[in-house]
N, C-alpha and C. Protein backbone atom coordinates (compact mmCIF):
# COMPACT_ATOMS: atom_id res chain seq x y z
N MET A 1 -3.22 -9.38 15.97
CA MET A 1 -3.25 -8.30 16.60
C MET A 1 -2.16 -7.69 16.70
N VAL A 2 -1.86 -6.29 16.73
CA VAL A 2 -0.41 -5.80 17.24
C VAL A 2 -0.55 -5.75 18.65
N ASN A 3 0.69 -6.65 19.29
CA ASN A 3 0.93 -6.46 20.65
C ASN A 3 1.13 -4.70 21.10
N SER A 4 0.42 -4.39 21.81
CA SER A 4 0.64 -2.71 22.29
C SER A 4 1.68 -2.33 23.38
N ASN A 5 2.45 -3.28 24.03
CA ASN A 5 3.33 -3.07 24.65
C ASN A 5 4.66 -2.96 23.78
N PHE A 6 4.67 -2.72 22.55
CA PHE A 6 6.00 -2.58 21.50
C PHE A 6 5.28 -1.48 20.68
N PRO A 7 5.80 -0.45 20.89
CA PRO A 7 5.35 0.73 19.78
C PRO A 7 5.82 0.17 18.08
N LEU A 8 5.14 0.44 17.25
CA LEU A 8 5.81 0.21 15.69
C LEU A 8 6.66 1.08 15.30
N GLN A 9 7.95 0.68 14.69
CA GLN A 9 8.97 1.75 14.17
C GLN A 9 8.86 1.50 12.83
N TYR A 10 8.30 2.75 12.07
CA TYR A 10 8.05 2.69 10.59
C TYR A 10 9.81 3.33 10.10
N LEU A 11 10.32 2.64 9.18
CA LEU A 11 11.45 2.67 8.30
C LEU A 11 11.13 3.64 7.30
N ARG A 12 11.37 5.09 7.32
CA ARG A 12 11.21 5.99 6.53
C ARG A 12 11.81 5.42 5.14
N LEU A 13 11.07 5.94 3.69
CA LEU A 13 12.17 5.69 2.80
C LEU A 13 13.06 6.90 2.69
N THR A 14 14.51 6.46 1.95
CA THR A 14 15.44 7.38 1.98
C THR A 14 16.20 7.03 0.47
N ASN A 15 17.03 7.63 0.27
CA ASN A 15 17.82 7.38 -1.15
C ASN A 15 18.71 6.48 -0.62
N ASP A 16 18.89 5.81 0.00
CA ASP A 16 19.76 4.62 0.52
C ASP A 16 19.42 3.68 1.23
N ASN A 17 17.97 3.42 1.45
CA ASN A 17 17.55 2.05 2.09
C ASN A 17 16.45 1.72 1.69
N TYR A 18 16.08 1.61 -0.03
CA TYR A 18 14.81 1.20 -0.73
C TYR A 18 14.88 0.01 -0.47
N GLN A 19 15.87 -0.88 -0.42
CA GLN A 19 15.57 -2.20 -0.57
C GLN A 19 15.09 -2.91 0.80
N THR A 20 16.03 -2.37 1.99
CA THR A 20 15.13 -2.32 3.28
C THR A 20 14.19 -2.10 3.57
N TRP A 21 13.57 -1.11 3.11
CA TRP A 21 12.23 -0.23 3.08
C TRP A 21 10.97 -0.93 2.74
N CYS A 22 11.69 -1.62 1.37
CA CYS A 22 10.69 -2.63 0.35
C CYS A 22 10.58 -3.84 1.44
N ILE A 23 11.33 -4.75 2.11
CA ILE A 23 11.36 -5.68 2.76
C ILE A 23 10.24 -5.38 3.94
N GLN A 24 10.72 -4.20 4.73
CA GLN A 24 9.73 -3.98 5.98
C GLN A 24 8.27 -3.65 5.30
N VAL A 25 8.16 -3.05 4.21
CA VAL A 25 6.52 -2.76 3.94
C VAL A 25 5.99 -4.13 3.56
N LYS A 26 6.75 -4.70 2.76
CA LYS A 26 6.25 -6.18 2.32
C LYS A 26 5.70 -6.93 3.48
N ALA A 27 6.79 -7.00 4.67
CA ALA A 27 6.71 -7.98 6.10
C ALA A 27 5.07 -7.20 6.74
N TRP A 28 5.39 -6.06 6.68
CA TRP A 28 3.67 -5.32 7.43
C TRP A 28 2.80 -5.41 6.29
N LEU A 29 2.43 -5.08 5.29
CA LEU A 29 1.61 -5.50 4.24
C LEU A 29 1.10 -7.27 4.42
N GLY A 30 2.12 -8.13 4.61
CA GLY A 30 1.95 -9.44 4.71
C GLY A 30 1.24 -9.66 6.36
N SER A 31 1.35 -9.23 7.18
CA SER A 31 0.89 -9.18 8.70
C SER A 31 -0.36 -8.73 8.76
N GLN A 32 -0.80 -7.84 7.72
CA GLN A 32 -1.84 -7.18 8.11
C GLN A 32 -2.97 -8.12 6.46
N ASP A 33 -2.75 -9.13 5.89
CA ASP A 33 -3.07 -9.76 5.12
C ASP A 33 -3.77 -8.88 3.82
N VAL A 34 -2.68 -8.05 3.85
CA VAL A 34 -3.16 -7.10 2.27
C VAL A 34 -2.23 -7.38 1.11
N TRP A 35 -1.11 -8.35 1.58
CA TRP A 35 -0.09 -8.33 0.64
C TRP A 35 -0.38 -9.04 -0.66
N GLU A 36 -1.14 -9.81 -0.83
CA GLU A 36 -1.72 -10.57 -2.06
C GLU A 36 -2.40 -9.28 -2.77
N THR A 37 -3.40 -8.77 -2.42
CA THR A 37 -4.41 -7.48 -2.85
C THR A 37 -2.64 -6.43 -3.59
N PHE A 38 -2.21 -6.01 -2.86
CA PHE A 38 -1.15 -4.87 -3.34
C PHE A 38 -0.32 -5.70 -4.63
N GLU A 39 0.04 -6.85 -4.30
CA GLU A 39 0.64 -7.81 -5.22
C GLU A 39 -0.47 -7.81 -6.65
N LYS A 40 -1.23 -8.08 -7.05
CA LYS A 40 -2.08 -8.13 -7.98
C LYS A 40 -2.36 -6.71 -8.71
N GLY A 41 -2.42 -5.78 -7.30
CA GLY A 41 -2.93 -4.37 -7.86
C GLY A 41 -4.38 -4.38 -7.82
N PHE A 42 -5.35 -3.58 -7.82
CA PHE A 42 -6.55 -2.93 -7.55
C PHE A 42 -7.24 -1.79 -8.54
N GLU A 43 -8.07 -2.46 -9.59
CA GLU A 43 -8.44 -1.48 -10.39
C GLU A 43 -10.24 -1.20 -10.09
N GLU A 44 -10.31 -0.04 -9.95
CA GLU A 44 -11.91 0.03 -9.58
C GLU A 44 -12.73 -0.52 -10.78
N LEU A 45 -13.69 -1.07 -10.48
CA LEU A 45 -14.76 -1.44 -11.83
C LEU A 45 -15.81 -0.68 -12.44
N ILE A 46 -15.98 -0.13 -13.44
CA ILE A 46 -16.41 0.98 -14.01
C ILE A 46 -17.81 0.57 -14.05
N ASP A 47 -18.20 -0.91 -14.51
CA ASP A 47 -19.77 -0.98 -14.84
C ASP A 47 -19.72 -2.57 -13.21
N LYS A 48 -20.53 -1.87 -12.30
CA LYS A 48 -20.63 -2.75 -10.98
C LYS A 48 -22.07 -3.39 -11.34
N ALA A 49 -22.87 -2.85 -12.24
CA ALA A 49 -24.33 -3.45 -12.14
C ALA A 49 -24.57 -4.40 -12.40
N THR A 50 -23.68 -5.50 -13.27
CA THR A 50 -23.81 -6.77 -13.60
C THR A 50 -22.93 -7.80 -12.54
N LEU A 51 -22.93 -7.47 -11.61
CA LEU A 51 -21.70 -8.38 -10.58
C LEU A 51 -23.15 -8.67 -9.59
N THR A 52 -22.58 -10.03 -9.24
CA THR A 52 -23.91 -10.60 -8.06
C THR A 52 -22.82 -10.00 -6.63
N SER A 53 -23.92 -10.46 -5.88
CA SER A 53 -23.43 -10.11 -4.79
C SER A 53 -22.54 -10.28 -4.26
N ALA A 54 -22.20 -11.65 -4.25
CA ALA A 54 -20.70 -11.96 -3.75
C ALA A 54 -19.90 -11.40 -4.30
N GLN A 55 -19.78 -11.38 -5.89
CA GLN A 55 -18.68 -10.71 -6.78
C GLN A 55 -18.57 -8.99 -5.98
N MET A 56 -19.54 -8.69 -5.70
CA MET A 56 -19.59 -7.00 -5.13
C MET A 56 -18.72 -7.28 -3.60
N GLU A 57 -18.60 -8.43 -2.82
CA GLU A 57 -18.32 -8.63 -1.80
C GLU A 57 -16.71 -8.69 -1.67
N VAL A 58 -16.50 -9.78 -3.24
CA VAL A 58 -14.88 -9.69 -3.40
C VAL A 58 -14.30 -8.28 -3.63
N VAL A 59 -14.88 -7.28 -4.25
CA VAL A 59 -14.65 -6.18 -4.81
C VAL A 59 -14.36 -5.24 -3.93
N GLN A 60 -15.59 -5.34 -3.13
CA GLN A 60 -15.23 -4.33 -1.82
C GLN A 60 -14.23 -4.25 -0.95
N LYS A 61 -14.04 -5.97 -0.51
CA LYS A 61 -12.82 -6.42 0.08
C LYS A 61 -11.32 -6.19 -0.48
N ALA A 62 -11.58 -6.34 -1.72
CA ALA A 62 -10.40 -5.94 -2.47
C ALA A 62 -9.99 -4.48 -2.06
N ARG A 63 -10.77 -3.89 -2.54
CA ARG A 63 -10.86 -2.31 -2.32
C ARG A 63 -10.43 -1.68 -0.78
N ARG A 64 -11.34 -2.42 0.15
CA ARG A 64 -10.66 -2.11 1.54
C ARG A 64 -9.28 -2.70 2.13
N ASN A 65 -8.78 -3.73 1.41
CA ASN A 65 -7.32 -4.37 1.55
C ASN A 65 -6.44 -3.41 0.90
N ASP A 66 -6.56 -2.76 -0.24
CA ASP A 66 -5.92 -1.70 -1.04
C ASP A 66 -5.90 -0.76 -0.34
N GLN A 67 -6.84 -0.06 0.42
CA GLN A 67 -6.71 1.23 0.71
C GLN A 67 -6.13 0.90 2.08
N LEU A 68 -6.04 -0.25 2.50
CA LEU A 68 -5.28 -0.59 3.70
C LEU A 68 -3.67 -0.34 3.47
N ALA A 69 -3.70 -1.31 2.37
CA ALA A 69 -1.91 -1.35 1.88
C ALA A 69 -1.45 0.26 1.77
N LEU A 70 -2.71 0.94 0.83
CA LEU A 70 -2.15 2.75 0.83
C LEU A 70 -1.67 3.10 1.85
N THR A 71 -2.52 3.15 2.89
CA THR A 71 -2.25 3.69 4.38
C THR A 71 -0.69 3.19 5.03
N ILE A 72 -0.87 2.26 4.95
CA ILE A 72 0.42 1.50 5.50
C ILE A 72 1.70 2.47 4.63
N ILE A 73 1.59 2.34 3.59
CA ILE A 73 2.52 2.78 2.69
C ILE A 73 2.92 3.91 2.89
N HIS A 74 1.70 4.73 3.02
CA HIS A 74 1.99 6.37 3.67
C HIS A 74 2.76 6.47 4.86
N GLN A 75 2.61 5.58 5.63
CA GLN A 75 3.25 5.60 7.00
C GLN A 75 4.80 5.53 7.04
N TYR A 76 4.66 4.90 5.77
CA TYR A 76 6.63 4.65 5.62
C TYR A 76 7.28 5.70 4.66
N LEU A 77 6.73 6.69 4.56
CA LEU A 77 6.97 7.87 3.66
C LEU A 77 7.25 9.12 4.40
N ASP A 78 8.39 9.51 3.88
CA ASP A 78 8.77 10.90 4.65
C ASP A 78 7.73 11.95 3.83
N ASP A 79 7.95 13.33 4.23
CA ASP A 79 6.98 14.04 3.81
C ASP A 79 7.49 14.61 2.26
N THR A 80 8.29 14.75 1.57
CA THR A 80 8.81 14.53 0.95
C THR A 80 8.20 13.61 -0.43
N THR A 81 8.56 12.46 0.08
CA THR A 81 8.21 11.08 -0.86
C THR A 81 6.45 11.12 -0.70
N PHE A 82 5.99 11.43 0.09
CA PHE A 82 4.56 11.36 0.20
C PHE A 82 3.94 12.41 -0.30
N GLU A 83 4.41 13.57 -0.74
CA GLU A 83 4.08 14.34 -1.76
C GLU A 83 3.77 13.88 -3.00
N ILE A 84 4.80 13.19 -3.42
CA ILE A 84 5.24 12.87 -5.08
C ILE A 84 3.62 11.48 -5.02
N VAL A 85 3.44 10.98 -4.24
CA VAL A 85 2.35 10.06 -4.31
C VAL A 85 0.56 10.45 -3.59
N VAL A 86 0.70 11.61 -3.38
CA VAL A 86 -0.23 11.93 -2.39
C VAL A 86 -1.70 11.80 -3.24
N ASN A 87 -1.64 11.65 -4.70
CA ASN A 87 -2.85 11.68 -5.30
C ASN A 87 -3.16 10.79 -6.24
N VAL A 88 -2.30 9.54 -5.52
CA VAL A 88 -2.83 8.19 -6.44
C VAL A 88 -3.71 7.71 -5.48
N THR A 89 -3.87 6.86 -6.05
CA THR A 89 -5.41 6.05 -5.23
C THR A 89 -5.18 4.54 -5.19
N THR A 90 -4.51 3.97 -5.26
CA THR A 90 -4.02 2.76 -5.16
C THR A 90 -2.61 2.27 -4.48
N ALA A 91 -2.63 1.43 -4.11
CA ALA A 91 -1.06 0.88 -3.16
C ALA A 91 -0.50 0.73 -4.44
N LYS A 92 -0.82 -0.05 -5.38
CA LYS A 92 0.60 -0.36 -6.42
C LYS A 92 0.86 1.10 -6.92
N GLN A 93 -0.08 1.84 -7.23
CA GLN A 93 0.57 3.09 -7.66
C GLN A 93 1.66 3.67 -6.86
N ALA A 94 1.37 3.87 -5.76
CA ALA A 94 2.38 4.55 -4.89
C ALA A 94 3.54 3.70 -4.52
N CYS A 95 3.65 2.34 -5.10
CA CYS A 95 5.03 1.92 -4.95
C CYS A 95 5.37 1.40 -6.54
N LYS A 96 4.90 1.83 -7.69
CA LYS A 96 5.13 1.09 -8.88
C LYS A 96 6.37 1.07 -9.26
N THR A 97 7.23 2.19 -9.42
CA THR A 97 8.76 2.05 -9.61
C THR A 97 9.80 2.66 -8.62
N PRO A 98 10.54 1.74 -8.01
CA PRO A 98 11.56 2.51 -7.52
C PRO A 98 12.06 4.35 -7.72
N SER A 99 12.28 4.25 -8.98
CA SER A 99 12.76 5.75 -9.39
C SER A 99 11.15 6.75 -9.16
N LYS A 100 10.08 6.58 -9.09
CA LYS A 100 8.92 7.29 -8.82
C LYS A 100 9.18 7.78 -7.43
N LEU A 101 9.59 6.74 -6.47
CA LEU A 101 9.36 6.99 -5.07
C LEU A 101 10.81 7.58 -4.66
N GLN A 102 11.69 7.30 -5.46
CA GLN A 102 13.23 8.16 -4.87
C GLN A 102 13.41 9.32 -5.72
N LYS A 103 12.70 9.82 -6.58
CA LYS A 103 12.96 11.07 -7.29
C LYS A 103 13.28 11.96 -6.90
N ASN A 104 13.14 12.58 -5.69
CA ASN A 104 13.36 13.51 -5.09
C ASN A 104 14.61 13.26 -4.09
N TYR A 105 15.36 12.12 -4.12
CA TYR A 105 16.84 12.01 -3.28
C TYR A 105 17.51 12.38 -4.14
């Protein structure tokens, strides 16, 4: 749980801080227990009808973790970069390549 006595400071991605930005985002994703989901990536299943209830729970947890990771990443982006990734649906897509995120810098 985050200590409410210390406001969180998000480093916004710029043209010259990508490496530092990556380290901070990775640390925050790890602290929220979503780094593994981010690293593996998440792909929505087309046919869920054949899944057992246990498998569905795993898929739902991965989806929640991915959306949490995407939300965290959005908080670390400035408005210009956010507009580049606004239509992506997974955290992995939002951070796919440094050049994609830094295109406008």
